[in-house]
Amino acid sequence: MFLQIGPPVRHRAPPCTRVKAKLNAATATPTPERRAAFAEALKPNFSEWDAVMNETTSLEQWARLLPRDTLLVCDRGTVLPIREIAELLHRSCPGWTYMEVPGAGHMAPLTHPEVINPLVVSFLAG
């Protein structure tokens, strides 16, 4: 038995739950056009994931095959898989130039061109 004393209490979902509900309602049934655009946008990712998951070239081979004059720019705060790849390349290709750009993130050339472009220009001019 439940006994309520005083006025009824109105319970509201926490803000994050309300936002999720709105997002789910807004995106639950994408239009055929949106689905087609999404599928089209994913095509390059299929090849990228195939290359990542099925790559058989060793790090030693990459070190021999890729130009000695290579610049690798990374942010230590990027997503773990990218950070691990950068660390592997750094150890395996000691002749490369490595630059860390704190706070630039995973997509630095797109999100921080004002930082990345001068680094690339300087490297190429060097």
N, C-alpha and C. Protein backbone atom coordinates (compact mmCIF):
# COMPACT_ATOMS: atom_id res chain seq x y z
N MET A 1 0.85 -1.17 0.00
CA MET A 1 0.00 0.00 0.00
C MET A 1 0.89 1.24 0.00
N PHE A 2 0.53 2.22 -0.81
CA PHE A 2 1.28 3.47 -0.93
C PHE A 2 0.42 4.58 -0.39
N LEU A 3 0.97 5.37 0.52
CA LEU A 3 0.25 6.49 1.10
C LEU A 3 0.99 7.75 0.74
N GLN A 4 0.34 8.66 0.05
CA GLN A 4 0.96 9.92 -0.33
C GLN A 4 0.44 11.01 0.56
N ILE A 5 1.34 11.79 1.14
CA ILE A 5 0.95 12.91 1.97
C ILE A 5 1.39 14.18 1.26
N GLY A 6 0.51 15.09 1.07
CA GLY A 6 0.81 16.34 0.39
C GLY A 6 0.43 16.27 -1.07
N PRO A 7 0.80 17.32 -1.84
CA PRO A 7 0.41 17.35 -3.26
C PRO A 7 1.15 16.27 -4.04
N PRO A 8 0.56 15.83 -5.15
CA PRO A 8 1.22 14.81 -5.95
C PRO A 8 2.56 15.33 -6.49
N VAL A 9 3.53 14.46 -6.55
CA VAL A 9 4.85 14.82 -7.06
C VAL A 9 4.92 14.41 -8.52
N ARG A 10 5.29 15.35 -9.35
CA ARG A 10 5.42 15.07 -10.78
C ARG A 10 6.86 14.66 -11.06
N HIS A 11 7.05 13.45 -11.54
CA HIS A 11 8.39 12.96 -11.83
C HIS A 11 8.72 13.23 -13.29
N ARG A 12 9.90 13.79 -13.51
CA ARG A 12 10.37 14.03 -14.87
C ARG A 12 11.63 13.22 -15.08
N ALA A 13 11.78 12.77 -16.29
CA ALA A 13 13.01 12.06 -16.63
C ALA A 13 14.17 13.04 -16.57
N PRO A 14 15.37 12.55 -16.22
CA PRO A 14 16.52 13.46 -16.22
C PRO A 14 16.75 14.03 -17.61
N PRO A 15 17.39 15.21 -17.70
CA PRO A 15 17.58 15.87 -19.00
C PRO A 15 18.23 14.97 -20.05
N CYS A 16 19.24 14.17 -19.66
CA CYS A 16 19.90 13.33 -20.66
C CYS A 16 18.93 12.31 -21.25
N THR A 17 18.00 11.81 -20.45
CA THR A 17 17.02 10.85 -20.95
C THR A 17 16.07 11.52 -21.93
N ARG A 18 15.66 12.77 -21.61
CA ARG A 18 14.76 13.50 -22.50
C ARG A 18 15.45 13.78 -23.83
N VAL A 19 16.72 14.15 -23.80
CA VAL A 19 17.46 14.42 -25.03
C VAL A 19 17.57 13.15 -25.86
N LYS A 20 17.91 12.02 -25.22
CA LYS A 20 18.00 10.75 -25.95
C LYS A 20 16.67 10.40 -26.59
N ALA A 21 15.58 10.62 -25.87
CA ALA A 21 14.26 10.30 -26.42
C ALA A 21 13.98 11.15 -27.65
N LYS A 22 14.33 12.43 -27.59
CA LYS A 22 14.13 13.31 -28.75
C LYS A 22 14.99 12.87 -29.92
N LEU A 23 16.25 12.53 -29.63
CA LEU A 23 17.13 12.08 -30.71
C LEU A 23 16.63 10.78 -31.32
N ASN A 24 16.19 9.85 -30.48
CA ASN A 24 15.68 8.58 -31.00
C ASN A 24 14.45 8.81 -31.86
N ALA A 25 13.58 9.69 -31.43
CA ALA A 25 12.38 9.97 -32.21
C ALA A 25 12.73 10.64 -33.53
N ALA A 26 13.74 11.51 -33.49
CA ALA A 26 14.10 12.24 -34.70
C ALA A 26 14.86 11.38 -35.70
N THR A 27 15.54 10.36 -35.23
CA THR A 27 16.39 9.57 -36.13
C THR A 27 15.93 8.13 -36.27
N ALA A 28 14.84 7.78 -35.68
CA ALA A 28 14.42 6.37 -35.68
C ALA A 28 14.07 5.87 -37.08
N THR A 29 13.47 6.68 -37.90
CA THR A 29 13.05 6.25 -39.21
C THR A 29 13.61 7.20 -40.27
N PRO A 30 14.86 6.99 -40.66
CA PRO A 30 15.41 7.89 -41.68
C PRO A 30 14.71 7.70 -43.01
N THR A 31 14.66 8.75 -43.77
CA THR A 31 14.04 8.70 -45.09
C THR A 31 14.89 7.83 -46.01
N PRO A 32 14.33 7.32 -47.08
CA PRO A 32 15.12 6.56 -48.05
C PRO A 32 16.29 7.38 -48.61
N GLU A 33 16.07 8.67 -48.79
CA GLU A 33 17.15 9.53 -49.29
C GLU A 33 18.30 9.60 -48.29
N ARG A 34 17.93 9.73 -47.00
CA ARG A 34 18.97 9.81 -45.96
C ARG A 34 19.73 8.49 -45.86
N ARG A 35 19.02 7.38 -45.96
CA ARG A 35 19.68 6.07 -45.93
C ARG A 35 20.64 5.93 -47.11
N ALA A 36 20.22 6.34 -48.30
CA ALA A 36 21.06 6.24 -49.48
C ALA A 36 22.30 7.12 -49.34
N ALA A 37 22.12 8.33 -48.83
CA ALA A 37 23.25 9.24 -48.63
C ALA A 37 24.22 8.67 -47.61
N PHE A 38 23.69 8.08 -46.55
CA PHE A 38 24.54 7.48 -45.52
C PHE A 38 25.33 6.30 -46.09
N ALA A 39 24.66 5.43 -46.83
CA ALA A 39 25.33 4.28 -47.43
C ALA A 39 26.41 4.73 -48.40
N GLU A 40 26.14 5.77 -49.16
CA GLU A 40 27.12 6.30 -50.11
C GLU A 40 28.34 6.86 -49.37
N ALA A 41 28.08 7.54 -48.26
CA ALA A 41 29.17 8.13 -47.49
C ALA A 41 30.05 7.07 -46.83
N LEU A 42 29.52 5.89 -46.60
CA LEU A 42 30.29 4.83 -45.96
C LEU A 42 31.24 4.09 -46.91
N LYS A 43 31.03 4.21 -48.20
CA LYS A 43 31.83 3.43 -49.15
C LYS A 43 33.34 3.55 -48.92
N PRO A 44 33.89 4.75 -48.74
CA PRO A 44 35.35 4.81 -48.50
C PRO A 44 35.77 4.07 -47.24
N ASN A 45 34.89 4.03 -46.24
CA ASN A 45 35.24 3.35 -44.99
C ASN A 45 35.38 1.85 -45.17
N PHE A 46 34.64 1.27 -46.11
CA PHE A 46 34.76 -0.17 -46.32
C PHE A 46 36.19 -0.52 -46.71
N SER A 47 36.76 0.25 -47.63
CA SER A 47 38.14 -0.01 -48.06
C SER A 47 39.12 0.25 -46.94
N GLU A 48 38.89 1.31 -46.18
CA GLU A 48 39.79 1.62 -45.08
C GLU A 48 39.79 0.51 -44.04
N TRP A 49 38.61 0.03 -43.66
CA TRP A 49 38.55 -1.04 -42.67
C TRP A 49 39.13 -2.33 -43.21
N ASP A 50 38.92 -2.59 -44.49
CA ASP A 50 39.52 -3.79 -45.09
C ASP A 50 41.04 -3.70 -45.01
N ALA A 51 41.57 -2.53 -45.28
CA ALA A 51 43.02 -2.34 -45.21
C ALA A 51 43.53 -2.52 -43.79
N VAL A 52 42.80 -2.01 -42.82
CA VAL A 52 43.23 -2.11 -41.42
C VAL A 52 43.14 -3.56 -40.94
N MET A 53 42.04 -4.21 -41.24
CA MET A 53 41.81 -5.54 -40.69
C MET A 53 42.55 -6.65 -41.43
N ASN A 54 42.86 -6.44 -42.69
CA ASN A 54 43.47 -7.51 -43.48
C ASN A 54 44.88 -7.20 -43.94
N GLU A 55 45.49 -6.17 -43.39
CA GLU A 55 46.83 -5.76 -43.81
C GLU A 55 47.86 -6.83 -43.43
N THR A 56 48.71 -7.17 -44.37
CA THR A 56 49.74 -8.18 -44.12
C THR A 56 51.16 -7.61 -44.22
N THR A 57 51.27 -6.34 -44.59
CA THR A 57 52.59 -5.72 -44.70
C THR A 57 53.14 -5.47 -43.30
N SER A 58 54.35 -5.93 -43.04
CA SER A 58 54.95 -5.75 -41.72
C SER A 58 55.43 -4.31 -41.55
N LEU A 59 55.68 -3.94 -40.32
CA LEU A 59 56.20 -2.60 -40.05
C LEU A 59 57.56 -2.41 -40.69
N GLU A 60 58.36 -3.45 -40.72
CA GLU A 60 59.67 -3.37 -41.35
C GLU A 60 59.55 -3.10 -42.85
N GLN A 61 58.56 -3.75 -43.48
CA GLN A 61 58.32 -3.50 -44.90
C GLN A 61 57.86 -2.07 -45.14
N TRP A 62 56.96 -1.57 -44.29
CA TRP A 62 56.50 -0.19 -44.43
C TRP A 62 57.68 0.76 -44.30
N ALA A 63 58.57 0.49 -43.35
CA ALA A 63 59.72 1.36 -43.14
C ALA A 63 60.60 1.41 -44.39
N ARG A 64 60.70 0.30 -45.10
CA ARG A 64 61.49 0.26 -46.33
C ARG A 64 60.75 0.87 -47.51
N LEU A 65 59.44 0.66 -47.58
CA LEU A 65 58.65 1.07 -48.74
C LEU A 65 58.30 2.56 -48.77
N LEU A 66 58.06 3.14 -47.61
CA LEU A 66 57.62 4.53 -47.56
C LEU A 66 58.82 5.47 -47.58
N PRO A 67 58.62 6.68 -48.09
CA PRO A 67 59.74 7.63 -48.20
C PRO A 67 60.36 7.94 -46.84
N ARG A 68 61.66 8.09 -46.85
CA ARG A 68 62.36 8.45 -45.62
C ARG A 68 61.95 9.86 -45.16
N ASP A 69 61.66 10.73 -46.11
CA ASP A 69 61.19 12.07 -45.78
C ASP A 69 59.68 12.05 -45.58
N THR A 70 59.28 11.59 -44.41
CA THR A 70 57.86 11.49 -44.08
C THR A 70 57.61 12.24 -42.77
N LEU A 71 56.54 12.99 -42.74
CA LEU A 71 56.13 13.72 -41.55
C LEU A 71 54.91 13.03 -40.96
N LEU A 72 54.98 12.68 -39.69
CA LEU A 72 53.84 12.11 -38.99
C LEU A 72 53.46 13.08 -37.88
N VAL A 73 52.25 13.61 -37.96
CA VAL A 73 51.75 14.56 -36.97
C VAL A 73 50.65 13.86 -36.19
N CYS A 74 50.73 13.94 -34.87
CA CYS A 74 49.69 13.29 -34.07
C CYS A 74 49.43 14.07 -32.79
N ASP A 75 48.31 13.76 -32.19
CA ASP A 75 47.92 14.32 -30.90
C ASP A 75 47.87 13.16 -29.92
N ARG A 76 48.62 13.23 -28.85
CA ARG A 76 48.65 12.14 -27.87
C ARG A 76 47.27 11.91 -27.28
N GLY A 77 46.38 12.87 -27.40
CA GLY A 77 45.04 12.72 -26.87
C GLY A 77 44.05 12.15 -27.86
N THR A 78 44.51 11.69 -29.01
CA THR A 78 43.60 11.16 -30.02
C THR A 78 43.08 9.80 -29.59
N VAL A 79 42.24 9.22 -30.40
CA VAL A 79 41.65 7.92 -30.09
C VAL A 79 42.76 6.87 -30.01
N LEU A 80 42.58 5.91 -29.12
CA LEU A 80 43.61 4.92 -28.81
C LEU A 80 44.14 4.17 -30.03
N PRO A 81 43.31 3.65 -30.93
CA PRO A 81 43.87 2.90 -32.07
C PRO A 81 44.82 3.75 -32.93
N ILE A 82 44.47 5.01 -33.16
CA ILE A 82 45.32 5.89 -33.96
C ILE A 82 46.62 6.18 -33.21
N ARG A 83 46.51 6.42 -31.92
CA ARG A 83 47.70 6.68 -31.10
C ARG A 83 48.64 5.47 -31.12
N GLU A 84 48.08 4.27 -31.04
CA GLU A 84 48.91 3.06 -31.07
C GLU A 84 49.60 2.89 -32.42
N ILE A 85 48.90 3.18 -33.50
CA ILE A 85 49.51 3.09 -34.84
C ILE A 85 50.64 4.10 -34.96
N ALA A 86 50.40 5.33 -34.49
CA ALA A 86 51.45 6.36 -34.55
C ALA A 86 52.67 5.93 -33.73
N GLU A 87 52.46 5.34 -32.58
CA GLU A 87 53.58 4.88 -31.75
C GLU A 87 54.34 3.75 -32.43
N LEU A 88 53.63 2.84 -33.07
CA LEU A 88 54.30 1.75 -33.81
C LEU A 88 55.15 2.31 -34.95
N LEU A 89 54.58 3.25 -35.69
CA LEU A 89 55.33 3.86 -36.80
C LEU A 89 56.53 4.65 -36.28
N HIS A 90 56.35 5.33 -35.18
CA HIS A 90 57.44 6.11 -34.59
C HIS A 90 58.63 5.21 -34.24
N ARG A 91 58.34 4.06 -33.65
CA ARG A 91 59.41 3.11 -33.29
C ARG A 91 60.01 2.43 -34.51
N SER A 92 59.20 2.15 -35.50
CA SER A 92 59.66 1.36 -36.66
C SER A 92 60.30 2.21 -37.76
N CYS A 93 60.04 3.49 -37.77
CA CYS A 93 60.56 4.37 -38.82
C CYS A 93 61.31 5.54 -38.19
N PRO A 94 62.50 5.26 -37.64
CA PRO A 94 63.22 6.30 -36.90
C PRO A 94 63.67 7.48 -37.76
N GLY A 95 63.72 7.33 -39.07
CA GLY A 95 64.13 8.43 -39.93
C GLY A 95 63.03 9.44 -40.20
N TRP A 96 61.82 9.13 -39.83
CA TRP A 96 60.70 10.04 -40.07
C TRP A 96 60.75 11.22 -39.10
N THR A 97 60.06 12.27 -39.47
CA THR A 97 59.90 13.42 -38.59
C THR A 97 58.56 13.29 -37.88
N TYR A 98 58.59 13.36 -36.57
CA TYR A 98 57.38 13.23 -35.75
C TYR A 98 57.11 14.56 -35.06
N MET A 99 55.86 14.95 -35.10
CA MET A 99 55.46 16.17 -34.41
C MET A 99 54.17 15.88 -33.66
N GLU A 100 54.14 16.25 -32.40
CA GLU A 100 52.93 16.13 -31.61
C GLU A 100 52.27 17.49 -31.51
N VAL A 101 50.97 17.50 -31.72
CA VAL A 101 50.18 18.73 -31.67
C VAL A 101 49.10 18.53 -30.61
N PRO A 102 49.39 18.89 -29.37
CA PRO A 102 48.40 18.69 -28.30
C PRO A 102 47.09 19.41 -28.59
N GLY A 103 46.01 18.70 -28.35
CA GLY A 103 44.68 19.29 -28.51
C GLY A 103 44.14 19.33 -29.92
N ALA A 104 44.91 18.82 -30.88
CA ALA A 104 44.46 18.88 -32.28
C ALA A 104 43.41 17.80 -32.58
N GLY A 105 43.44 16.70 -31.85
CA GLY A 105 42.43 15.67 -32.02
C GLY A 105 42.71 14.72 -33.17
N HIS A 106 41.72 13.88 -33.45
CA HIS A 106 41.84 12.79 -34.41
C HIS A 106 41.86 13.28 -35.87
N MET A 107 41.12 14.32 -36.17
CA MET A 107 41.00 14.79 -37.54
C MET A 107 41.66 16.16 -37.71
N ALA A 108 42.85 16.31 -37.16
CA ALA A 108 43.53 17.61 -37.10
C ALA A 108 43.62 18.33 -38.44
N PRO A 109 43.94 17.68 -39.56
CA PRO A 109 44.01 18.43 -40.82
C PRO A 109 42.68 19.09 -41.20
N LEU A 110 41.57 18.49 -40.77
CA LEU A 110 40.26 19.07 -41.08
C LEU A 110 39.80 20.05 -40.02
N THR A 111 40.08 19.75 -38.76
CA THR A 111 39.57 20.57 -37.67
C THR A 111 40.51 21.69 -37.26
N HIS A 112 41.81 21.53 -37.55
CA HIS A 112 42.80 22.54 -37.16
C HIS A 112 43.77 22.83 -38.30
N PRO A 113 43.27 23.19 -39.49
CA PRO A 113 44.18 23.44 -40.61
C PRO A 113 45.14 24.60 -40.34
N GLU A 114 44.71 25.55 -39.50
CA GLU A 114 45.58 26.69 -39.18
C GLU A 114 46.83 26.25 -38.41
N VAL A 115 46.77 25.08 -37.79
CA VAL A 115 47.92 24.53 -37.07
C VAL A 115 48.70 23.56 -37.95
N ILE A 116 47.97 22.68 -38.64
CA ILE A 116 48.61 21.60 -39.41
C ILE A 116 49.24 22.11 -40.70
N ASN A 117 48.55 22.96 -41.44
CA ASN A 117 49.07 23.41 -42.74
C ASN A 117 50.46 24.06 -42.63
N PRO A 118 50.70 24.95 -41.67
CA PRO A 118 52.05 25.51 -41.58
C PRO A 118 53.12 24.45 -41.27
N LEU A 119 52.77 23.44 -40.50
CA LEU A 119 53.72 22.36 -40.21
C LEU A 119 54.09 21.61 -41.49
N VAL A 120 53.08 21.32 -42.30
CA VAL A 120 53.30 20.61 -43.55
C VAL A 120 54.12 21.47 -44.52
N VAL A 121 53.76 22.74 -44.66
CA VAL A 121 54.49 23.65 -45.54
C VAL A 121 55.94 23.74 -45.11
N SER A 122 56.18 23.89 -43.83
CA SER A 122 57.55 23.99 -43.30
C SER A 122 58.32 22.71 -43.57
N PHE A 123 57.67 21.56 -43.37
CA PHE A 123 58.33 20.27 -43.62
C PHE A 123 58.70 20.13 -45.08
N LEU A 124 57.78 20.46 -45.97
CA LEU A 124 58.03 20.33 -47.40
C LEU A 124 59.10 21.31 -47.88
N ALA A 125 59.16 22.48 -47.27
CA ALA A 125 60.16 23.46 -47.66
C ALA A 125 61.55 23.12 -47.12
N GLY A 126 61.57 22.31 -46.04
CA GLY A 126 62.80 22.01 -45.32
C GLY A 126 63.79 21.24 -46.07
